[in-house]
């Protein structure tokens, strides 16, 4: 299992992360809209997988969980 990567506060404040995060949010919206259309099972499964991956990438900028 891979170690979870979480961005530092400095990394989250960078212009590069802001640009990547904006792209990921737009991509997630697009994938969700596409997934709402009538598609075959294979296409739906592919889109759901892509949605899960985009959510994983967006989560890199979330706060660390408090244990």
Protein backbone atom coordinates (compact mmCIF):
# COMPACT_ATOMS: atom_id res chain seq x y z
CA UNK A 1 0.00 0.00 0.00
CA UNK A 2 1.30 3.46 -0.84
CA UNK A 3 1.77 6.16 1.75
CA UNK A 4 -0.79 8.95 1.64
CA UNK A 5 0.63 12.20 0.29
CA UNK A 6 -0.70 15.48 1.63
CA UNK A 7 0.57 18.85 0.48
CA UNK A 8 2.18 21.24 2.95
CA UNK A 9 0.61 24.63 3.61
CA UNK A 10 3.30 26.22 1.45
CA UNK A 11 2.60 23.83 -1.42
CA UNK A 12 -1.16 24.44 -1.17
CA UNK A 13 -0.53 28.18 -1.34
CA UNK A 14 1.52 27.91 -4.54
CA UNK A 15 0.20 29.24 -7.85
CA UNK A 16 0.91 25.86 -9.42
CA UNK A 17 -1.36 24.02 -6.97
CA UNK A 18 -4.07 26.65 -7.47
CA UNK A 19 -3.94 26.06 -11.22
CA UNK A 20 -3.87 22.26 -10.89
CA UNK A 21 -6.69 22.32 -8.31
CA UNK A 22 -8.85 24.49 -10.57
CA UNK A 23 -8.24 22.12 -13.48
CA UNK A 24 -9.13 19.09 -11.33
CA UNK A 25 -12.38 20.68 -10.11
CA UNK A 26 -13.37 21.50 -13.69
CA UNK A 27 -12.45 17.97 -14.80
CA UNK A 28 -14.53 16.50 -11.99
CA UNK A 29 -17.54 18.60 -13.03
CA UNK A 30 -17.12 17.49 -16.65
CA UNK A 31 -16.82 13.82 -15.72
CA UNK A 32 -19.91 14.03 -13.50
CA UNK A 33 -21.94 15.63 -16.28
CA UNK A 34 -20.76 13.00 -18.75
CA UNK A 35 -21.59 10.26 -16.25
CA UNK A 36 -25.17 11.55 -16.02
CA UNK A 37 -25.71 10.78 -19.71
CA UNK A 38 -27.03 7.49 -21.00
CA UNK A 39 -23.95 5.28 -21.52
CA UNK A 40 -23.05 1.63 -21.65
CA UNK A 41 -21.70 -0.12 -18.54
CA UNK A 42 -18.08 -0.01 -19.67
CA UNK A 43 -18.13 3.74 -20.33
CA UNK A 44 -19.90 4.39 -17.02
CA UNK A 45 -17.33 2.28 -15.15
CA UNK A 46 -14.46 4.12 -16.84
CA UNK A 47 -15.94 7.49 -15.91
CA UNK A 48 -16.51 6.39 -12.31
CA UNK A 49 -12.89 5.30 -12.12
CA UNK A 50 -11.75 8.65 -13.50
CA UNK A 51 -13.97 10.47 -10.99
CA UNK A 52 -12.42 8.48 -8.14
CA UNK A 53 -8.89 9.31 -9.33
CA UNK A 54 -9.65 13.03 -9.69
CA UNK A 55 -11.12 13.05 -6.17
CA UNK A 56 -7.94 11.38 -4.89
CA UNK A 57 -5.82 14.09 -6.48
CA UNK A 58 -8.04 16.88 -5.10
CA UNK A 59 -7.71 15.31 -1.64
CA UNK A 60 -3.96 15.97 -1.72
CA UNK A 61 -4.73 19.55 -0.73
CA UNK A 62 -7.07 18.67 2.14
CA UNK A 63 -6.12 19.00 5.78
CA UNK A 64 -4.41 16.10 7.50
CA UNK A 65 -6.84 14.01 9.49
CA UNK A 66 -6.64 14.39 13.26
CA UNK A 67 -6.22 11.02 14.94
